Amino acid sequence: MGVLSELTGVSISGIENVHDYMQVKFSSGAALTIYNNCRFEDGACKAVGSTVKSTTESGDEIVIILEGGGSIHIGLQEDDYVGPEAMVLSQEGAPDVVWNYRFIPI
């Protein structure tokens, strides 16, 4: 079970594109900053207000599955990276968790 499983049952309160990355904000106060290529099944607009049903992590991608059928896919293959970090999970009262190229997570 990965660290992202802590987001299960938490709803997405907002999604923001900032320069060359995306930030997904959660009702718990957590924020997931995504630098790698990612895609939203059912669109980013529908993701806002959705609750995280589950998460899966593999060497190729991370998937955040939302209640209602949508999902967020974050690529972890070499060509998905635009820098050394794939994404960062920030939660109040906890150290940031960083997913780096082929060293997931630190």
PDB file of N, CA and C in Angstrom:
ATOM      1  N   MET A   1       0.852  -1.183   0.000  1.00  0.00           N
ATOM      2  CA  MET A   1       0.000   0.000   0.000  1.00  0.00           C
ATOM      3  C   MET A   1       0.892   1.238   0.000  1.00  0.00           C
ATOM      4  N   GLY A   2       0.695   2.139  -0.959  1.00  0.00           N
ATOM      5  CA  GLY A   2       1.525   3.320  -1.096  1.00  0.00           C
ATOM      6  C   GLY A   2       1.030   4.497  -0.281  1.00  0.00           C
ATOM      7  N   VAL A   3       1.862   5.512  -0.218  1.00  0.00           N
ATOM      8  CA  VAL A   3       1.540   6.713   0.550  1.00  0.00           C
ATOM      9  C   VAL A   3       0.299   7.422   0.000  1.00  0.00           C
ATOM     10  N   LEU A   4       0.032   7.272  -1.279  1.00  0.00           N
ATOM     11  CA  LEU A   4      -1.149   7.923  -1.865  1.00  0.00           C
ATOM     12  C   LEU A   4      -2.454   7.337  -1.349  1.00  0.00           C
ATOM     13  N   SER A   5      -2.395   6.144  -0.768  1.00  0.00           N
ATOM     14  CA  SER A   5      -3.614   5.543  -0.220  1.00  0.00           C
ATOM     15  C   SER A   5      -4.198   6.396   0.898  1.00  0.00           C
ATOM     16  N   GLU A   6      -3.392   7.278   1.486  1.00  0.00           N
ATOM     17  CA  GLU A   6      -3.883   8.201   2.513  1.00  0.00           C
ATOM     18  C   GLU A   6      -4.925   9.169   1.953  1.00  0.00           C
ATOM     19  N   LEU A   7      -4.981   9.299   0.642  1.00  0.00           N
ATOM     20  CA  LEU A   7      -5.957  10.190   0.003  1.00  0.00           C
ATOM     21  C   LEU A   7      -7.310   9.517  -0.219  1.00  0.00           C
ATOM     22  N   THR A   8      -7.387   8.212   0.024  1.00  0.00           N
ATOM     23  CA  THR A   8      -8.644   7.496  -0.159  1.00  0.00           C
ATOM     24  C   THR A   8      -9.717   8.087   0.756  1.00  0.00           C
ATOM     25  N   GLY A   9     -10.870   8.391   0.166  1.00  0.00           N
ATOM     26  CA  GLY A   9     -11.979   8.982   0.914  1.00  0.00           C
ATOM     27  C   GLY A   9     -11.932  10.499   0.989  1.00  0.00           C
ATOM     28  N   VAL A  10     -10.896  11.104   0.436  1.00  0.00           N
ATOM     29  CA  VAL A  10     -10.738  12.560   0.442  1.00  0.00           C
ATOM     30  C   VAL A  10     -11.186  13.104  -0.913  1.00  0.00           C
ATOM     31  N   SER A  11     -11.865  14.246  -0.911  1.00  0.00           N
ATOM     32  CA  SER A  11     -12.336  14.806  -2.181  1.00  0.00           C
ATOM     33  C   SER A  11     -11.373  15.850  -2.726  1.00  0.00           C
ATOM     34  N   ILE A  12     -11.417  16.004  -4.038  1.00  0.00           N
ATOM     35  CA  ILE A  12     -10.599  17.000  -4.737  1.00  0.00           C
ATOM     36  C   ILE A  12     -11.325  18.338  -4.656  1.00  0.00           C
ATOM     37  N   SER A  13     -10.636  19.326  -4.093  1.00  0.00           N
ATOM     38  CA  SER A  13     -11.260  20.644  -3.928  1.00  0.00           C
ATOM     39  C   SER A  13     -10.888  21.612  -5.043  1.00  0.00           C
ATOM     40  N   GLY A  14      -9.831  21.311  -5.787  1.00  0.00           N
ATOM     41  CA  GLY A  14      -9.452  22.191  -6.878  1.00  0.00           C
ATOM     42  C   GLY A  14      -8.304  21.626  -7.683  1.00  0.00           C
ATOM     43  N   ILE A  15      -8.200  22.080  -8.921  1.00  0.00           N
ATOM     44  CA  ILE A  15      -7.103  21.711  -9.812  1.00  0.00           C
ATOM     45  C   ILE A  15      -6.632  22.991 -10.471  1.00  0.00           C
ATOM     46  N   GLU A  16      -5.324  23.211 -10.418  1.00  0.00           N
ATOM     47  CA  GLU A  16      -4.771  24.454 -10.937  1.00  0.00           C
ATOM     48  C   GLU A  16      -3.562  24.166 -11.817  1.00  0.00           C
ATOM     49  N   ASN A  17      -3.555  24.738 -13.017  1.00  0.00           N
ATOM     50  CA  ASN A  17      -2.378  24.694 -13.876  1.00  0.00           C
ATOM     51  C   ASN A  17      -1.508  25.894 -13.536  1.00  0.00           C
ATOM     52  N   VAL A  18      -0.254  25.621 -13.159  1.00  0.00           N
ATOM     53  CA  VAL A  18       0.672  26.684 -12.785  1.00  0.00           C
ATOM     54  C   VAL A  18       1.916  26.537 -13.654  1.00  0.00           C
ATOM     55  N   HIS A  19       2.126  27.462 -14.566  1.00  0.00           N
ATOM     56  CA  HIS A  19       3.281  27.441 -15.469  1.00  0.00           C
ATOM     57  C   HIS A  19       3.444  26.071 -16.120  1.00  0.00           C
ATOM     58  N   ASP A  20       4.429  25.287 -15.656  1.00  0.00           N
ATOM     59  CA  ASP A  20       4.713  24.002 -16.297  1.00  0.00           C
ATOM     60  C   ASP A  20       4.379  22.803 -15.417  1.00  0.00           C
ATOM     61  N   TYR A  21       3.496  22.989 -14.463  1.00  0.00           N
ATOM     62  CA  TYR A  21       3.051  21.876 -13.627  1.00  0.00           C
ATOM     63  C   TYR A  21       1.593  22.051 -13.242  1.00  0.00           C
ATOM     64  N   MET A  22       1.032  20.993 -12.645  1.00  0.00           N
ATOM     65  CA  MET A  22      -0.365  21.011 -12.229  1.00  0.00           C
ATOM     66  C   MET A  22      -0.432  20.710 -10.736  1.00  0.00           C
ATOM     67  N   GLN A  23      -1.336  21.366 -10.053  1.00  0.00           N
ATOM     68  CA  GLN A  23      -1.522  21.092  -8.633  1.00  0.00           C
ATOM     69  C   GLN A  23      -2.959  20.670  -8.367  1.00  0.00           C
ATOM     70  N   VAL A  24      -3.087  19.490  -7.731  1.00  0.00           N
ATOM     71  CA  VAL A  24      -4.391  18.956  -7.347  1.00  0.00           C
ATOM     72  C   VAL A  24      -4.512  19.182  -5.842  1.00  0.00           C
ATOM     73  N   LYS A  25      -5.533  19.916  -5.438  1.00  0.00           N
ATOM     74  CA  LYS A  25      -5.734  20.226  -4.018  1.00  0.00           C
ATOM     75  C   LYS A  25      -6.888  19.390  -3.480  1.00  0.00           C
ATOM     76  N   PHE A  26      -6.730  18.942  -2.234  1.00  0.00           N
ATOM     77  CA  PHE A  26      -7.690  18.049  -1.613  1.00  0.00           C
ATOM     78  C   PHE A  26      -8.344  18.720  -0.408  1.00  0.00           C
ATOM     79  N   SER A  27      -9.539  18.249  -0.063  1.00  0.00           N
ATOM     80  CA  SER A  27     -10.299  18.823   1.049  1.00  0.00           C
ATOM     81  C   SER A  27      -9.587  18.664   2.388  1.00  0.00           C
ATOM     82  N   SER A  28      -8.649  17.739   2.486  1.00  0.00           N
ATOM     83  CA  SER A  28      -7.882  17.522   3.713  1.00  0.00           C
ATOM     84  C   SER A  28      -6.785  18.564   3.905  1.00  0.00           C
ATOM     85  N   GLY A  29      -6.552  19.380   2.882  1.00  0.00           N
ATOM     86  CA  GLY A  29      -5.455  20.333   2.910  1.00  0.00           C
ATOM     87  C   GLY A  29      -4.225  19.834   2.171  1.00  0.00           C
ATOM     88  N   ALA A  30      -4.219  18.572   1.780  1.00  0.00           N
ATOM     89  CA  ALA A  30      -3.102  18.007   1.016  1.00  0.00           C
ATOM     90  C   ALA A  30      -3.082  18.601  -0.385  1.00  0.00           C
ATOM     91  N   ALA A  31      -1.884  18.617  -0.967  1.00  0.00           N
ATOM     92  CA  ALA A  31      -1.720  19.077  -2.346  1.00  0.00           C
ATOM     93  C   ALA A  31      -0.777  18.125  -3.068  1.00  0.00           C
ATOM     94  N   LEU A  32      -1.152  17.743  -4.274  1.00  0.00           N
ATOM     95  CA  LEU A  32      -0.320  16.898  -5.118  1.00  0.00           C
ATOM     96  C   LEU A  32       0.138  17.742  -6.299  1.00  0.00           C
ATOM     97  N   THR A  33       1.432  18.049  -6.326  1.00  0.00           N
ATOM     98  CA  THR A  33       2.004  18.834  -7.410  1.00  0.00           C
ATOM     99  C   THR A  33       2.578  17.862  -8.426  1.00  0.00           C
ATOM    100  N   ILE A  34       2.056  17.922  -9.656  1.00  0.00           N
ATOM    101  CA  ILE A  34       2.425  16.962 -10.705  1.00  0.00           C
ATOM    102  C   ILE A  34       3.252  17.681 -11.765  1.00  0.00           C
ATOM    103  N   TYR A  35       4.480  17.202 -11.957  1.00  0.00           N
ATOM    104  CA  TYR A  35       5.382  17.755 -12.973  1.00  0.00           C
ATOM    105  C   TYR A  35       5.394  16.909 -14.240  1.00  0.00           C
ATOM    106  N   ASN A  36       5.142  15.630 -14.108  1.00  0.00           N
ATOM    107  CA  ASN A  36       5.175  14.714 -15.251  1.00  0.00           C
ATOM    108  C   ASN A  36       3.927  14.851 -16.110  1.00  0.00           C
ATOM    109  N   ASN A  37       3.982  14.196 -17.259  1.00  0.00           N
ATOM    110  CA  ASN A  37       2.803  14.118 -18.110  1.00  0.00           C
ATOM    111  C   ASN A  37       1.689  13.411 -17.348  1.00  0.00           C
ATOM    112  N   CYS A  38       0.494  13.961 -17.446  1.00  0.00           N
ATOM    113  CA  CYS A  38      -0.649  13.317 -16.806  1.00  0.00           C
ATOM    114  C   CYS A  38      -1.884  13.540 -17.666  1.00  0.00           C
ATOM    115  N   ARG A  39      -2.880  12.690 -17.413  1.00  0.00           N
ATOM    116  CA  ARG A  39      -4.144  12.842 -18.139  1.00  0.00           C
ATOM    117  C   ARG A  39      -5.290  12.518 -17.199  1.00  0.00           C
ATOM    118  N   PHE A  40      -6.404  13.137 -17.474  1.00  0.00           N
ATOM    119  CA  PHE A  40      -7.616  12.949 -16.692  1.00  0.00           C
ATOM    120  C   PHE A  40      -8.630  12.213 -17.550  1.00  0.00           C
ATOM    121  N   GLU A  41      -9.061  11.041 -17.097  1.00  0.00           N
ATOM    122  CA  GLU A  41     -10.169  10.372 -17.773  1.00  0.00           C
ATOM    123  C   GLU A  41     -11.445  10.998 -17.236  1.00  0.00           C
ATOM    124  N   ASP A  42     -12.314  11.424 -18.094  1.00  0.00           N
ATOM    125  CA  ASP A  42     -13.544  12.161 -17.795  1.00  0.00           C
ATOM    126  C   ASP A  42     -13.281  13.645 -17.543  1.00  0.00           C
ATOM    127  N   GLY A  43     -12.070  14.127 -17.799  1.00  0.00           N
ATOM    128  CA  GLY A  43     -11.765  15.546 -17.736  1.00  0.00           C
ATOM    129  C   GLY A  43     -11.484  16.075 -16.342  1.00  0.00           C
ATOM    130  N   ALA A  44     -10.626  17.091 -16.296  1.00  0.00           N
ATOM    131  CA  ALA A  44     -10.235  17.715 -15.025  1.00  0.00           C
ATOM    132  C   ALA A  44     -11.415  18.409 -14.362  1.00  0.00           C
ATOM    133  N   CYS A  45     -12.304  18.988 -15.157  1.00  0.00           N
ATOM    134  CA  CYS A  45     -13.451  19.695 -14.582  1.00  0.00           C
ATOM    135  C   CYS A  45     -14.337  18.763 -13.768  1.00  0.00           C
ATOM    136  N   LYS A  46     -14.535  17.541 -14.258  1.00  0.00           N
ATOM    137  CA  LYS A  46     -15.365  16.577 -13.540  1.00  0.00           C
ATOM    138  C   LYS A  46     -14.667  16.039 -12.295  1.00  0.00           C
ATOM    139  N   ALA A  47     -13.338  16.114 -12.251  1.00  0.00           N
ATOM    140  CA  ALA A  47     -12.592  15.593 -11.104  1.00  0.00           C
ATOM    141  C   ALA A  47     -12.808  16.451  -9.858  1.00  0.00           C
ATOM    142  N   VAL A  48     -12.981  17.756 -10.042  1.00  0.00           N
ATOM    143  CA  VAL A  48     -13.189  18.646  -8.896  1.00  0.00           C
ATOM    144  C   VAL A  48     -14.501  18.279  -8.209  1.00  0.00           C
ATOM    145  N   GLY A  49     -14.422  18.035  -6.911  1.00  0.00           N
ATOM    146  CA  GLY A  49     -15.577  17.607  -6.143  1.00  0.00           C
ATOM    147  C   GLY A  49     -15.682  16.105  -6.003  1.00  0.00           C
ATOM    148  N   SER A  50     -14.902  15.365  -6.807  1.00  0.00           N
ATOM    149  CA  SER A  50     -14.915  13.901  -6.734  1.00  0.00           C
ATOM    150  C   SER A  50     -14.084  13.426  -5.546  1.00  0.00           C
ATOM    151  N   THR A  51     -14.425  12.241  -5.057  1.00  0.00           N
ATOM    152  CA  THR A  51     -13.723  11.628  -3.937  1.00  0.00           C
ATOM    153  C   THR A  51     -12.801  10.539  -4.457  1.00  0.00           C
ATOM    154  N   VAL A  52     -11.607  10.443  -3.862  1.00  0.00           N
ATOM    155  CA  VAL A  52     -10.658   9.403  -4.245  1.00  0.00           C
ATOM    156  C   VAL A  52     -11.178   8.054  -3.752  1.00  0.00           C
ATOM    157  N   LYS A  53     -11.346   7.130  -4.686  1.00  0.00           N
ATOM    158  CA  LYS A  53     -11.828   5.787  -4.360  1.00  0.00           C
ATOM    159  C   LYS A  53     -10.658   4.871  -4.015  1.00  0.00           C
ATOM    160  N   SER A  54      -9.580   4.963  -4.805  1.00  0.00           N
ATOM    161  CA  SER A  54      -8.390   4.145  -4.571  1.00  0.00           C
ATOM    162  C   SER A  54      -7.232   4.705  -5.389  1.00  0.00           C
ATOM    163  N   THR A  55      -6.051   4.158  -5.131  1.00  0.00           N
ATOM    164  CA  THR A  55      -4.866   4.539  -5.900  1.00  0.00           C
ATOM    165  C   THR A  55      -4.070   3.292  -6.236  1.00  0.00           C
ATOM    166  N   THR A  56      -3.377   3.334  -7.362  1.00  0.00           N
ATOM    167  CA  THR A  56      -2.465   2.257  -7.727  1.00  0.00           C
ATOM    168  C   THR A  56      -1.144   2.868  -8.162  1.00  0.00           C
ATOM    169  N   GLU A  57      -0.064   2.214  -7.792  1.00  0.00           N
ATOM    170  CA  GLU A  57       1.271   2.678  -8.163  1.00  0.00           C
ATOM    171  C   GLU A  57       2.034   1.523  -8.779  1.00  0.00           C
ATOM    172  N   SER A  58       2.615   1.770  -9.948  1.00  0.00           N
ATOM    173  CA  SER A  58       3.470   0.778 -10.595  1.00  0.00           C
ATOM    174  C   SER A  58       4.688   1.515 -11.127  1.00  0.00           C
ATOM    175  N   GLY A  59       5.585   0.791 -11.743  1.00  0.00           N
ATOM    176  CA  GLY A  59       6.765   1.421 -12.311  1.00  0.00           C
ATOM    177  C   GLY A  59       6.475   2.298 -13.508  1.00  0.00           C
ATOM    178  N   ASP A  60       5.314   2.094 -14.153  1.00  0.00           N
ATOM    179  CA  ASP A  60       4.972   2.822 -15.368  1.00  0.00           C
ATOM    180  C   ASP A  60       4.046   4.009 -15.152  1.00  0.00           C
ATOM    181  N   GLU A  61       3.172   3.908 -14.157  1.00  0.00           N
ATOM    182  CA  GLU A  61       2.237   5.008 -13.918  1.00  0.00           C
ATOM    183  C   GLU A  61       1.596   4.901 -12.544  1.00  0.00           C
ATOM    184  N   ILE A  62       1.093   6.036 -12.107  1.00  0.00           N
ATOM    185  CA  ILE A  62       0.288   6.127 -10.893  1.00  0.00           C
ATOM    186  C   ILE A  62      -1.117   6.476 -11.338  1.00  0.00           C
ATOM    187  N   VAL A  63      -2.106   5.793 -10.768  1.00  0.00           N
ATOM    188  CA  VAL A  63      -3.495   6.066 -11.119  1.00  0.00           C
ATOM    189  C   VAL A  63      -4.258   6.396  -9.836  1.00  0.00           C
ATOM    190  N   ILE A  64      -4.939   7.521  -9.855  1.00  0.00           N
ATOM    191  CA  ILE A  64      -5.836   7.909  -8.777  1.00  0.00           C
ATOM    192  C   ILE A  64      -7.244   7.700  -9.306  1.00  0.00           C
ATOM    193  N   ILE A  65      -7.943   6.722  -8.745  1.00  0.00           N
ATOM    194  CA  ILE A  65      -9.276   6.354  -9.217  1.00  0.00           C
ATOM    195  C   ILE A  65     -10.313   7.099  -8.387  1.00  0.00           C
ATOM    196  N   LEU A  66     -11.232   7.760  -9.069  1.00  0.00           N
ATOM    197  CA  LEU A  66     -12.240   8.589  -8.416  1.00  0.00           C
ATOM    198  C   LEU A  66     -13.588   7.888  -8.396  1.00  0.00           C
ATOM    199  N   GLU A  67     -14.347   8.150  -7.356  1.00  0.00           N
ATOM    200  CA  GLU A  67     -15.710   7.633  -7.318  1.00  0.00           C
ATOM    201  C   GLU A  67     -16.480   8.274  -8.458  1.00  0.00           C
ATOM    202  N   GLY A  68     -17.311   7.519  -9.120  1.00  0.00           N
ATOM    203  CA  GLY A  68     -18.049   8.020 -10.262  1.00  0.00           C
ATOM    204  C   GLY A  68     -17.394   7.674 -11.583  1.00  0.00           C
ATOM    205  N   GLY A  69     -16.216   7.024 -11.537  1.00  0.00           N
ATOM    206  CA  GLY A  69     -15.631   6.505 -12.760  1.00  0.00           C
ATOM    207  C   GLY A  69     -14.462   7.267 -13.343  1.00  0.00           C
ATOM    208  N   GLY A  70     -14.173   8.475 -12.924  1.00  0.00           N
ATOM    209  CA  GLY A  70     -13.043   9.211 -13.469  1.00  0.00           C
ATOM    210  C   GLY A  70     -11.732   8.743 -12.858  1.00  0.00           C
ATOM    211  N   SER A  71     -10.625   9.180 -13.442  1.00  0.00           N
ATOM    212  CA  SER A  71      -9.317   8.842 -12.898  1.00  0.00           C
ATOM    213  C   SER A  71      -8.268   9.828 -13.387  1.00  0.00           C
ATOM    214  N   ILE A  72      -7.175   9.883 -12.626  1.00  0.00           N
ATOM    215  CA  ILE A  72      -6.017  10.704 -12.969  1.00  0.00           C
ATOM    216  C   ILE A  72      -4.851   9.747 -13.174  1.00  0.00           C
ATOM    217  N   HIS A  73      -4.186   9.853 -14.324  1.00  0.00           N
ATOM    218  CA  HIS A  73      -3.053   8.986 -14.658  1.00  0.00           C
ATOM    219  C   HIS A  73      -1.795   9.836 -14.740  1.00  0.00           C
ATOM    220  N   ILE A  74      -0.789   9.499 -13.939  1.00  0.00           N
ATOM    221  CA  ILE A  74       0.486  10.210 -13.942  1.00  0.00           C
ATOM    222  C   ILE A  74       1.536   9.248 -14.478  1.00  0.00           C
ATOM    223  N   GLY A  75       2.144   9.594 -15.604  1.00  0.00           N
ATOM    224  CA  GLY A  75       3.129   8.734 -16.248  1.00  0.00           C
ATOM    225  C   GLY A  75       4.451   8.720 -15.506  1.00  0.00           C
ATOM    226  N   LEU A  76       5.063   7.539 -15.409  1.00  0.00           N
ATOM    227  CA  LEU A  76       6.365   7.386 -14.758  1.00  0.00           C
ATOM    228  C   LEU A  76       7.414   6.799 -15.690  1.00  0.00           C
ATOM    229  N   GLN A  77       7.100   6.733 -16.983  1.00  0.00           N
ATOM    230  CA  GLN A  77       8.083   6.248 -17.941  1.00  0.00           C
ATOM    231  C   GLN A  77       9.048   7.378 -18.269  1.00  0.00           C
ATOM    232  N   GLU A  78      10.203   7.024 -18.766  1.00  0.00           N
ATOM    233  CA  GLU A  78      11.266   8.004 -19.001  1.00  0.00           C
ATOM    234  C   GLU A  78      10.793   9.217 -19.799  1.00  0.00           C
ATOM    235  N   ASP A  79       9.997   8.999 -20.833  1.00  0.00           N
ATOM    236  CA  ASP A  79       9.557  10.119 -21.666  1.00  0.00           C
ATOM    237  C   ASP A  79       8.442  10.955 -21.031  1.00  0.00           C
ATOM    238  N   ASP A  80       7.936  10.552 -19.862  1.00  0.00           N
ATOM    239  CA  ASP A  80       6.928  11.339 -19.141  1.00  0.00           C
ATOM    240  C   ASP A  80       7.554  12.446 -18.295  1.00  0.00           C
ATOM    241  N   TYR A  81       8.843  12.331 -18.020  1.00  0.00           N
ATOM    242  CA  TYR A  81       9.520  13.285 -17.144  1.00  0.00           C
ATOM    243  C   TYR A  81       9.915  14.551 -17.899  1.00  0.00           C
ATOM    244  N   VAL A  82       9.696  15.688 -17.256  1.00  0.00           N
ATOM    245  CA  VAL A  82      10.156  16.975 -17.789  1.00  0.00           C
ATOM    246  C   VAL A  82      11.247  17.551 -16.888  1.00  0.00           C
ATOM    247  N   GLY A  83      11.575  16.855 -15.832  1.00  0.00           N
ATOM    248  CA  GLY A  83      12.607  17.218 -14.869  1.00  0.00           C
ATOM    249  C   GLY A  83      12.872  16.012 -13.991  1.00  0.00           C
ATOM    250  N   PRO A  84      13.632  16.199 -12.908  1.00  0.00           N
ATOM    251  CA  PRO A  84      13.995  15.047 -12.069  1.00  0.00           C
ATOM    252  C   PRO A  84      12.856  14.522 -11.193  1.00  0.00           C
ATOM    253  N   GLU A  85      11.852  15.326 -10.939  1.00  0.00           N
ATOM    254  CA  GLU A  85      10.759  14.915 -10.070  1.00  0.00           C
ATOM    255  C   GLU A  85       9.489  14.688 -10.865  1.00  0.00           C
ATOM    256  N   ALA A  86       8.787  13.585 -10.540  1.00  0.00           N
ATOM    257  CA  ALA A  86       7.505  13.301 -11.176  1.00  0.00           C
ATOM    258  C   ALA A  86       6.393  14.084 -10.496  1.00  0.00           C
ATOM    259  N   MET A  87       6.404  14.055  -9.144  1.00  0.00           N
ATOM    260  CA  MET A  87       5.374  14.755  -8.381  1.00  0.00           C
ATOM    261  C   MET A  87       5.781  14.820  -6.915  1.00  0.00           C
ATOM    262  N   VAL A  88       5.066  15.681  -6.180  1.00  0.00           N
ATOM    263  CA  VAL A  88       5.312  15.879  -4.751  1.00  0.00           C
ATOM    264  C   VAL A  88       3.966  15.909  -4.047  1.00  0.00           C
ATOM    265  N   LEU A  89       3.838  15.114  -2.972  1.00  0.00           N
ATOM    266  CA  LEU A  89       2.651  15.141  -2.134  1.00  0.00           C
ATOM    267  C   LEU A  89       2.977  15.903  -0.871  1.00  0.00           C
ATOM    268  N   SER A  90       2.245  16.986  -0.626  1.00  0.00           N
ATOM    269  CA  SER A  90       2.428  17.807   0.571  1.00  0.00           C
ATOM    270  C   SER A  90       1.192  17.669   1.448  1.00  0.00           C
ATOM    271  N   GLN A  91       1.425  17.336   2.719  1.00  0.00           N
ATOM    272  CA  GLN A  91       0.339  17.207   3.684  1.00  0.00           C
ATOM    273  C   GLN A  91       0.738  17.928   4.960  1.00  0.00           C
ATOM    274  N   GLU A  92      -0.205  18.615   5.548  1.00  0.00           N
ATOM    275  CA  GLU A  92       0.061  19.350   6.771  1.00  0.00           C
ATOM    276  C   GLU A  92       0.530  18.394   7.867  1.00  0.00           C
ATOM    277  N   GLY A  93       1.621  18.766   8.542  1.00  0.00           N
ATOM    278  CA  GLY A  93       2.131  17.970   9.643  1.00  0.00           C
ATOM    279  C   GLY A  93       2.949  16.757   9.232  1.00  0.00           C
ATOM    280  N   ALA A  94       3.233  16.623   7.951  1.00  0.00           N
ATOM    281  CA  ALA A  94       4.010  15.478   7.454  1.00  0.00           C
ATOM    282  C   ALA A  94       5.067  15.981   6.475  1.00  0.00           C
ATOM    283  N   PRO A  95       6.189  15.268   6.375  1.00  0.00           N
ATOM    284  CA  PRO A  95       7.189  15.675   5.380  1.00  0.00           C
ATOM    285  C   PRO A  95       6.659  15.453   3.971  1.00  0.00           C
ATOM    286  N   ASP A  96       7.117  16.276   3.037  1.00  0.00           N
ATOM    287  CA  ASP A  96       6.745  16.087   1.637  1.00  0.00           C
ATOM    288  C   ASP A  96       7.249  14.742   1.143  1.00  0.00           C
ATOM    289  N   VAL A  97       6.471  14.118   0.278  1.00  0.00           N
ATOM    290  CA  VAL A  97       6.872  12.866  -0.363  1.00  0.00           C
ATOM    291  C   VAL A  97       7.131  13.189  -1.829  1.00  0.00           C
ATOM    292  N   VAL A  98       8.327  12.835  -2.301  1.00  0.00           N
ATOM    293  CA  VAL A  98       8.754  13.176  -3.660  1.00  0.00           C
ATOM    294  C   VAL A  98       8.954  11.903  -4.467  1.00  0.00           C
ATOM    295  N   TRP A  99       8.350  11.851  -5.650  1.00  0.00           N
ATOM    296  CA  TRP A  99       8.573  10.760  -6.591  1.00  0.00           C
ATOM    297  C   TRP A  99       9.608  11.250  -7.590  1.00  0.00           C
ATOM    298  N   ASN A 100      10.782  10.619  -7.599  1.00  0.00           N
ATOM    299  CA  ASN A 100      11.860  10.968  -8.514  1.00  0.00           C
ATOM    300  C   ASN A 100      11.976   9.914  -9.597  1.00  0.00           C
ATOM    301  N   TYR A 101      12.718  10.240 -10.642  1.00  0.00           N
ATOM    302  CA  TYR A 101      12.923   9.310 -11.744  1.00  0.00           C
ATOM    303  C   TYR A 101      13.518   8.010 -11.226  1.00  0.00           C
ATOM    304  N   ARG A 102      12.762   6.925 -11.368  1.00  0.00           N
ATOM    305  CA  ARG A 102      13.165   5.564 -11.011  1.00  0.00           C
ATOM    306  C   ARG A 102      13.564   5.391  -9.544  1.00  0.00           C
ATOM    307  N   PHE A 103      13.154   6.322  -8.734  1.00  0.00           N
ATOM    308  CA  PHE A 103      13.372   6.196  -7.281  1.00  0.00           C
ATOM    309  C   PHE A 103      12.111   6.693  -6.620  1.00  0.00           C
ATOM    310  N   ILE A 104      11.153   5.807  -6.410  1.00  0.00           N
ATOM    311  CA  ILE A 104       9.787   6.188  -6.067  1.00  0.00           C
ATOM    312  C   ILE A 104       9.392   5.544  -4.744  1.00  0.00           C
ATOM    313  N   PRO A 105       8.794   6.249  -3.836  1.00  0.00           N
ATOM    314  CA  PRO A 105       9.010   7.659  -3.507  1.00  0.00           C
ATOM    315  C   PRO A 105      10.172   7.809  -2.536  1.00  0.00           C
ATOM    316  N   ILE A 106      10.528   9.066  -2.251  1.00  0.00           N
ATOM    317  CA  ILE A 106      11.559   9.310  -1.230  1.00  0.00           C
ATOM    318  C   ILE A 106      10.927  10.029  -0.057  1.00  0.00           C
TER     319      ILE A 106
END
